[in-house]
Amino acid sequence: MAVQRLSIVLVGAGVVAAKHKKAIDYLVKRHLAELSAVVDPNEQAAAALSLHTPVFASLSACLAEVKPDIVAITTPSGTHAELAELALTHGCHVLIEKPMTLSLKDADRLLQLAADAGRRIAVGHIFRYVPLADTLKSMVADGRFGRCLYGDVKVRWGHDQAYYDQAAWRGTYAADGGVLMNQSIHAIDLMQWLIGEKAVEAVAMAARQMHDMEGEDLALGIVRCTNNTYVQVEGTTNTDPARHEASFALFFEKGDLRVRLSAGQIEAEVNVQGRKPVSGKALLRQAVFAAVRREGIGIVRHMGNPHTFLYLDLVRAIANGGAVLADGQSGRDALATVLAIYRAAKERQVISVRSAVAFPLKDMVGVPALNPAGRQADDKQTETGL
């Protein structure tokens, strides 16, 4: 039976939109979708992203003329909630770049709207769609490692000042956040998905060390999860911009697994007590062959663009009535963990993840502890015993 070709509207024509466009182009070639419009206030940028595609300056103007099946939102994080709500109220499925929103109240409102309308929300937590991730998830789920004891996440995603100077909203708590919300949420989501546990409470510290911006460029946290499992989190944009790196390590009762992403290359190692270590190259090879068997040889060119697999997942979920791997609830869960870490850093105490519902990201504005001068004042107060 032929699959209906879905209509997609792409909202936002910035840097990440190019990855979405590549994914949509793949769907077009597979006769699974069509790009019906691009939306951006900068209509020149929108037109450059996709020639011969209708361009609109606002989503409301677009939806007055176009009736898409999917609205993909790639705009600054602070605009996600309003745009997604508009799309859902017009009967569209939505794909929202991470983070889903900047407050749990907004996320919960979108989840309720989607449930009421029978629409799906997909969130751009693309680490779940890296080919190796599904293999590792299956290995953890089959019980060979035993119970997960703790995990370690490091995101060293250096940016120079020019990155934050590109736009006034970058690095602000109203529209973007710092390294925790912007760069580290991918890894936090992946870790929670792999271990299959819910975050319960967090302790943390955050600082602004090198950049002229509102947000933090260093965050360190410990998250306690269900089943007596713990996760350490390190995120920073203070490292070399030419050497982006993210690493994950999980330690279990009967073994461990380690994954490192650096310069676009994936390294992995899996150890189970009493068995020979499994190399990441072998696992990655198996994952690539499985993707080719499932999608055809053309998918090889998209192995480095996880957005393609995200779009395929959403399109098939819509067609088959199934669930999306990176769905709205998982987006909300990752957001709750990140907001709890932020609140812990602000209040300098153990914070319940449940309490994050009352802590939107904008509540980080003006936190003295992030300011180097504020840190120095604290140090001086400690030294004098006051």
Protein backbone atom coordinates (compact mmCIF):
# COMPACT_ATOMS: atom_id res chain seq x y z
CA MET A 1 0.00 0.00 0.00
CA ALA A 2 1.36 3.42 -0.96
CA VAL A 3 2.28 5.73 1.89
CA GLN A 4 0.72 9.19 1.72
CA ARG A 5 3.26 11.92 1.06
CA LEU A 6 3.24 14.31 4.02
CA SER A 7 3.45 18.08 3.71
CA ILE A 8 6.12 19.80 5.83
CA VAL A 9 6.57 23.46 6.73
CA LEU A 10 10.04 24.39 7.97
CA VAL A 11 10.08 27.28 10.47
CA GLY A 12 13.44 29.00 10.85
CA ALA A 13 16.24 29.39 8.32
CA GLY A 14 19.25 29.45 10.64
CA VAL A 15 22.25 27.15 10.97
CA VAL A 16 20.41 24.05 12.24
CA ALA A 17 17.72 24.43 9.55
CA ALA A 18 20.22 23.20 6.96
CA LYS A 19 20.32 19.81 8.72
CA HIS A 20 16.52 19.68 8.66
CA LYS A 21 16.51 20.59 4.98
CA LYS A 22 18.92 17.75 4.20
CA ALA A 23 16.63 15.34 6.04
CA ILE A 24 13.54 16.63 4.24
CA ASP A 25 15.31 16.32 0.88
CA TYR A 26 15.87 12.64 1.66
CA LEU A 27 12.18 12.17 2.43
CA VAL A 28 11.28 13.92 -0.82
CA LYS A 29 13.49 11.53 -2.80
CA ARG A 30 11.79 8.62 -1.05
CA HIS A 31 8.35 10.08 -1.93
CA LEU A 32 7.53 10.26 1.78
CA ALA A 33 7.14 14.02 2.10
CA GLU A 34 7.25 17.38 0.38
CA LEU A 35 8.47 20.76 1.60
CA SER A 36 5.48 23.08 1.26
CA ALA A 37 6.91 26.30 2.71
CA VAL A 38 9.78 27.90 4.63
CA VAL A 39 9.03 30.48 7.33
CA ASP A 40 11.46 33.12 8.58
CA PRO A 41 11.27 36.90 9.14
CA ASN A 42 14.41 37.06 7.01
CA GLU A 43 12.71 36.04 3.80
CA GLN A 44 15.98 36.23 1.87
CA ALA A 45 17.53 33.60 4.14
CA ALA A 46 14.40 31.46 3.83
CA ALA A 47 14.47 31.66 0.05
CA ALA A 48 18.17 30.76 -0.02
CA LEU A 49 17.50 27.66 2.07
CA SER A 50 15.08 26.24 -0.47
CA LEU A 51 14.73 27.68 -3.95
CA HIS A 52 11.30 27.50 -5.61
CA THR A 53 9.56 26.91 -2.24
CA PRO A 54 6.98 29.42 -0.97
CA VAL A 55 8.35 31.71 1.72
CA PHE A 56 6.43 33.38 4.57
CA ALA A 57 7.56 35.90 7.17
CA SER A 58 5.45 34.32 9.95
CA LEU A 59 3.91 30.97 10.75
CA SER A 60 0.46 32.51 11.18
CA ALA A 61 0.62 33.91 7.65
CA CYS A 62 1.78 30.55 6.34
CA LEU A 63 -0.98 28.57 8.05
CA ALA A 64 -3.57 30.91 6.59
CA GLU A 65 -2.61 29.59 3.13
CA VAL A 66 -0.87 26.24 3.64
CA LYS A 67 -2.27 23.16 5.40
CA PRO A 68 0.78 21.10 6.37
CA ASP A 69 0.85 17.75 8.12
CA ILE A 70 4.05 18.62 10.00
CA VAL A 71 5.48 21.90 11.24
CA ALA A 72 9.21 21.67 12.00
CA ILE A 73 10.41 24.39 14.38
CA THR A 74 14.11 25.36 14.28
CA THR A 75 13.87 28.87 15.72
CA PRO A 76 15.48 30.20 18.96
CA SER A 77 14.40 28.15 21.98
CA GLY A 78 12.38 30.95 23.54
CA THR A 79 9.96 30.89 20.57
CA HIS A 80 9.31 27.12 20.56
CA ALA A 81 6.27 27.08 22.83
CA GLU A 82 4.30 29.78 21.00
CA LEU A 83 5.02 28.38 17.54
CA ALA A 84 4.29 24.78 18.53
CA GLU A 85 1.01 25.81 20.15
CA LEU A 86 -0.01 27.62 16.95
CA ALA A 87 0.82 24.57 14.85
CA LEU A 88 -1.02 22.15 17.13
CA THR A 89 -4.14 24.32 17.23
CA HIS A 90 -4.12 24.17 13.41
CA GLY A 91 -4.14 20.37 13.53
CA CYS A 92 -0.46 19.83 12.67
CA HIS A 93 2.05 17.39 14.06
CA VAL A 94 5.15 19.20 15.30
CA LEU A 95 8.87 18.56 15.32
CA ILE A 96 10.58 20.90 17.79
CA GLU A 97 14.32 21.41 18.01
CA LYS A 98 15.77 20.90 21.48
CA PRO A 99 14.97 22.06 24.04
CA MET A 100 11.25 21.46 23.70
CA THR A 101 10.49 24.67 25.62
CA LEU A 102 12.14 26.75 28.35
CA SER A 103 9.56 25.94 31.05
CA LEU A 104 7.73 22.80 32.11
CA LYS A 105 4.41 24.63 32.19
CA ASP A 106 4.80 25.36 28.47
CA ALA A 107 5.86 21.77 27.78
CA ASP A 108 2.87 20.39 29.68
CA ARG A 109 0.51 22.68 27.78
CA LEU A 110 1.88 21.40 24.45
CA LEU A 111 1.58 17.78 25.55
CA GLN A 112 -2.06 18.33 26.49
CA LEU A 113 -2.81 20.10 23.21
CA ALA A 114 -1.23 17.26 21.26
CA ALA A 115 -3.17 14.63 23.21
CA ASP A 116 -6.46 16.48 22.73
CA ALA A 117 -5.85 16.86 18.98
CA GLY A 118 -4.44 13.39 18.41
CA ARG A 119 -1.20 14.91 17.08
CA ARG A 120 2.40 13.85 17.68
CA ILE A 121 5.28 15.85 19.04
CA ALA A 122 8.85 14.92 18.13
CA VAL A 123 11.79 16.65 19.83
CA GLY A 124 15.22 17.12 18.27
CA HIS A 125 17.15 14.95 20.71
CA ILE A 126 19.20 13.56 17.86
CA PHE A 127 21.70 11.56 19.93
CA ARG A 128 18.99 8.89 20.17
CA TYR A 129 19.19 8.58 16.38
CA VAL A 130 22.95 8.13 16.07
CA PRO A 131 23.21 4.61 14.54
CA LEU A 132 25.11 3.15 17.49
CA ALA A 133 22.61 4.39 20.10
CA ASP A 134 19.89 1.85 19.32
CA THR A 135 22.41 -1.00 19.53
CA LEU A 136 23.64 0.16 22.94
CA LYS A 137 20.08 0.61 24.19
CA SER A 138 19.25 -2.98 23.20
CA MET A 139 22.35 -4.28 24.97
CA VAL A 140 21.43 -2.44 28.18
CA ALA A 141 17.81 -3.56 27.98
CA ASP A 142 18.59 -7.29 27.54
CA GLY A 143 20.07 -7.44 31.03
CA ARG A 144 23.60 -8.57 30.21
CA PHE A 145 25.11 -5.75 32.28
CA GLY A 146 22.83 -6.07 35.29
CA ARG A 147 21.64 -2.95 37.07
CA CYS A 148 23.10 0.43 36.16
CA LEU A 149 25.00 1.97 39.08
CA TYR A 150 26.07 5.33 37.69
CA GLY A 151 26.85 7.23 34.54
CA ASP A 152 29.16 10.02 33.53
CA VAL A 153 28.40 12.65 30.86
CA LYS A 154 30.92 15.16 29.52
CA VAL A 155 30.05 17.77 26.88
CA ARG A 156 33.06 19.89 25.94
CA TRP A 157 31.64 21.90 23.06
CA GLY A 158 33.85 24.96 22.80
CA HIS A 159 32.61 28.23 21.29
CA ASP A 160 34.40 31.51 20.87
CA GLN A 161 32.83 34.87 21.66
CA ALA A 162 31.84 35.32 18.01
CA TYR A 163 29.39 32.43 18.35
CA TYR A 164 27.46 34.26 21.05
CA ASP A 165 27.76 37.59 19.24
CA GLN A 166 25.94 36.26 16.13
CA ALA A 167 22.56 37.22 17.58
CA ALA A 168 21.34 39.13 20.62
CA TRP A 169 19.33 36.15 21.89
CA ARG A 170 22.27 33.74 22.08
CA GLY A 171 23.31 32.89 25.62
CA THR A 172 20.31 34.64 27.21
CA TYR A 173 17.99 32.94 29.68
CA ALA A 174 14.89 34.34 28.00
CA ALA A 175 15.60 32.79 24.62
CA ASP A 176 18.45 30.28 24.74
CA GLY A 177 20.24 29.39 27.99
CA GLY A 178 23.87 28.53 28.51
CA VAL A 179 25.85 25.34 27.97
CA LEU A 180 23.47 23.27 30.09
CA MET A 181 20.30 24.00 28.14
CA ASN A 182 21.83 24.55 24.73
CA GLN A 183 24.65 22.00 24.39
CA SER A 184 24.32 19.48 27.25
CA ILE A 185 20.62 18.59 27.07
CA HIS A 186 21.30 16.19 24.16
CA ALA A 187 23.67 14.13 26.29
CA ILE A 188 21.45 14.25 29.37
CA ASP A 189 18.51 12.97 27.32
CA LEU A 190 20.62 10.16 25.85
CA MET A 191 21.86 9.08 29.26
CA GLN A 192 18.34 8.98 30.75
CA TRP A 193 17.11 6.98 27.76
CA LEU A 194 19.97 4.47 27.89
CA ILE A 195 19.69 3.73 31.61
CA GLY A 196 15.90 3.75 31.56
CA GLU A 197 15.58 5.60 34.86
CA LYS A 198 13.87 8.86 35.86
CA ALA A 199 15.76 11.75 37.42
CA VAL A 200 14.70 12.41 41.02
CA GLU A 201 16.93 15.17 42.41
CA ALA A 202 20.02 17.20 41.56
CA VAL A 203 22.90 19.16 43.04
CA ALA A 204 25.01 21.46 40.91
CA MET A 205 27.28 24.44 40.40
CA ALA A 206 27.47 26.72 37.37
CA ALA A 207 29.69 29.61 36.35
CA ARG A 208 30.43 32.08 33.59
CA GLN A 209 34.20 31.96 33.15
CA MET A 210 35.21 33.10 29.67
CA HIS A 211 32.30 34.53 27.69
CA ASP A 212 30.54 37.86 27.66
CA MET A 213 26.93 36.66 27.90
CA GLU A 214 24.16 36.18 30.42
CA GLY A 215 24.24 32.39 30.59
CA GLU A 216 26.70 29.91 32.08
CA ASP A 217 29.62 28.48 30.11
CA LEU A 218 30.40 25.82 32.72
CA ALA A 219 27.99 23.53 34.57
CA LEU A 220 28.75 20.63 36.90
CA GLY A 221 26.04 18.48 38.42
CA ILE A 222 25.11 15.20 40.02
CA VAL A 223 21.67 13.73 39.38
CA ARG A 224 20.12 10.98 41.47
CA CYS A 225 17.77 8.76 39.49
CA THR A 226 15.33 6.02 40.37
CA ASN A 227 16.69 2.58 41.31
CA ASN A 228 19.60 4.16 43.25
CA THR A 229 21.36 5.21 40.03
CA TYR A 230 23.49 8.36 39.74
CA VAL A 231 24.69 10.49 36.84
CA GLN A 232 27.54 13.02 36.81
CA VAL A 233 27.19 15.88 34.33
CA GLU A 234 29.87 18.22 33.00
CA GLY A 235 29.12 20.78 30.30
CA THR A 236 31.35 23.59 29.05
CA THR A 237 31.86 25.84 26.04
CA ASN A 238 35.26 27.00 27.32
CA THR A 239 37.26 24.35 25.46
CA ASP A 240 38.86 24.56 22.00
CA PRO A 241 36.12 25.38 19.41
CA ALA A 242 37.98 23.21 16.90
CA ARG A 243 37.72 20.11 19.12
CA HIS A 244 34.09 19.48 20.00
CA GLU A 245 33.76 16.43 22.19
CA ALA A 246 31.02 14.55 24.01
CA SER A 247 31.55 11.37 26.00
CA PHE A 248 29.32 8.97 27.91
CA ALA A 249 30.21 6.19 30.30
CA LEU A 250 27.82 3.81 32.05
CA PHE A 251 28.89 1.51 34.87
CA PHE A 252 26.83 -1.55 35.77
CA GLU A 253 26.92 -4.46 38.20
CA LYS A 254 28.51 -6.68 35.54
CA GLY A 255 30.31 -4.36 33.15
CA ASP A 256 30.48 -0.97 31.51
CA LEU A 257 30.11 0.82 28.21
CA ARG A 258 31.87 3.94 26.98
CA VAL A 259 31.14 6.16 23.98
CA ARG A 260 33.06 9.19 22.73
CA LEU A 261 32.08 11.54 19.93
CA SER A 262 34.92 13.76 18.73
CA ALA A 263 35.43 15.59 15.42
CA GLY A 264 32.45 13.76 13.96
CA GLN A 265 33.92 10.33 14.77
CA ILE A 266 32.38 7.82 17.17
CA GLU A 267 34.45 5.58 19.42
CA ALA A 268 32.92 2.98 21.72
CA GLU A 269 33.86 0.08 23.95
CA VAL A 270 31.63 -2.45 25.66
CA ASN A 271 32.82 -4.64 28.52
CA VAL A 272 30.84 -7.44 30.15
CA GLN A 273 32.43 -9.42 32.95
CA GLY A 274 33.59 -12.82 31.73
CA ARG A 275 33.38 -11.89 28.03
CA LYS A 276 35.78 -10.40 25.51
CA PRO A 277 35.44 -6.60 25.12
CA VAL A 278 33.41 -5.54 22.08
CA SER A 279 34.95 -2.78 19.96
CA GLY A 280 32.96 0.23 18.86
CA LYS A 281 34.04 -0.32 15.25
CA ALA A 282 32.35 -3.72 15.15
CA LEU A 283 29.19 -2.35 16.73
CA LEU A 284 29.11 0.66 14.41
CA ARG A 285 29.59 -1.57 11.38
CA GLN A 286 26.64 -3.69 12.45
CA ALA A 287 24.51 -0.58 12.97
CA VAL A 288 25.36 0.80 9.53
CA PHE A 289 24.60 -2.50 7.81
CA ALA A 290 21.29 -2.71 9.65
CA ALA A 291 20.36 0.82 8.50
CA VAL A 292 21.25 -0.05 4.89
CA ARG A 293 19.15 -3.23 5.00
CA ARG A 294 16.24 -1.23 6.38
CA GLU A 295 16.47 1.94 4.27
CA GLY A 296 18.62 1.09 1.24
CA ILE A 297 22.12 2.16 0.24
CA GLY A 298 21.11 5.82 -0.09
CA ILE A 299 20.97 6.14 3.69
CA VAL A 300 24.77 5.91 3.91
CA ARG A 301 25.09 9.58 2.94
CA HIS A 302 22.88 10.47 5.91
CA MET A 303 24.63 8.44 8.61
CA GLY A 304 26.25 11.67 9.82
CA ASN A 305 22.92 13.54 9.91
CA PRO A 306 20.76 12.06 12.69
CA HIS A 307 17.98 14.49 11.78
CA THR A 308 17.22 12.25 8.78
CA PHE A 309 16.44 9.34 11.10
CA LEU A 310 14.38 11.63 13.34
CA TYR A 311 12.22 12.67 10.37
CA LEU A 312 11.86 9.07 9.19
CA ASP A 313 10.74 8.07 12.67
CA LEU A 314 8.12 10.82 12.85
CA VAL A 315 6.76 10.21 9.34
CA ARG A 316 6.40 6.48 10.01
CA ALA A 317 4.80 7.06 13.40
CA ILE A 318 2.19 9.26 11.73
CA ALA A 319 1.61 6.72 8.94
CA ASN A 320 1.49 3.65 11.19
CA GLY A 321 -0.03 5.08 14.34
CA GLY A 322 3.08 4.26 16.35
CA ALA A 323 5.14 6.17 18.89
CA VAL A 324 8.04 8.54 18.20
CA LEU A 325 11.34 7.55 19.80
CA ALA A 326 12.16 11.14 20.83
CA ASP A 327 8.60 12.13 21.68
CA GLY A 328 7.19 15.07 23.60
CA GLN A 329 7.21 13.26 26.94
CA SER A 330 10.90 12.43 26.63
CA GLY A 331 11.55 16.04 25.68
CA ARG A 332 9.73 17.12 28.83
CA ASP A 333 11.72 14.66 30.97
CA ALA A 334 15.06 15.98 29.70
CA LEU A 335 13.88 19.55 30.25
CA ALA A 336 12.83 18.75 33.84
CA THR A 337 16.29 17.35 34.62
CA VAL A 338 18.06 20.37 33.14
CA LEU A 339 15.84 22.86 34.97
CA ALA A 340 16.43 21.00 38.26
CA ILE A 341 20.18 21.27 37.71
CA TYR A 342 19.80 24.99 37.02
CA ARG A 343 17.74 25.50 40.16
CA ALA A 344 20.26 23.54 42.22
CA ALA A 345 23.06 25.75 40.90
CA LYS A 346 21.09 28.89 41.71
CA GLU A 347 19.95 27.88 45.19
CA ARG A 348 23.03 25.84 46.13
CA GLN A 349 21.06 22.95 47.56
CA VAL A 350 19.62 19.58 46.62
CA ILE A 351 16.63 20.15 44.34
CA SER A 352 13.76 17.79 43.56
CA VAL A 353 13.19 17.36 39.84
CA ARG A 354 9.46 17.61 40.49
CA SER A 355 9.97 21.14 41.78
CA ALA A 356 11.32 22.22 38.40
CA VAL A 357 7.73 22.73 37.23
CA ALA A 358 7.81 26.00 39.16
CA PHE A 359 11.20 27.06 37.79
CA PRO A 360 11.25 28.41 34.22
CA LEU A 361 14.68 29.12 32.76
CA LYS A 362 14.09 32.87 32.96
CA ASP A 363 14.39 32.55 36.76
CA MET A 364 18.15 32.25 36.24
CA VAL A 365 18.36 35.90 35.20
CA GLY A 366 20.56 37.90 37.56
CA VAL A 367 22.01 34.95 39.53
CA PRO A 368 25.06 36.46 41.28
CA ALA A 369 26.87 33.11 41.53
CA LEU A 370 27.34 33.01 37.75
CA ASN A 371 29.19 36.31 37.70
CA PRO A 372 32.97 36.08 38.25
CA ALA A 373 32.75 39.18 40.45
CA GLY A 374 30.07 37.47 42.51
CA ARG A 375 32.30 34.44 42.94
CA GLN A 376 35.17 36.63 44.11
CA ALA A 377 32.88 38.31 46.65
CA ASP A 378 31.85 34.88 47.97
CA ASP A 379 35.49 33.82 48.24
CA LYS A 380 36.39 36.98 50.13
CA GLN A 381 33.46 36.50 52.51
CA THR A 382 34.58 32.94 53.19
CA GLU A 383 38.15 34.00 53.86
CA THR A 384 37.07 36.61 56.42
CA GLY A 385 34.69 34.20 58.10
CA LEU A 386 31.66 36.48 57.64
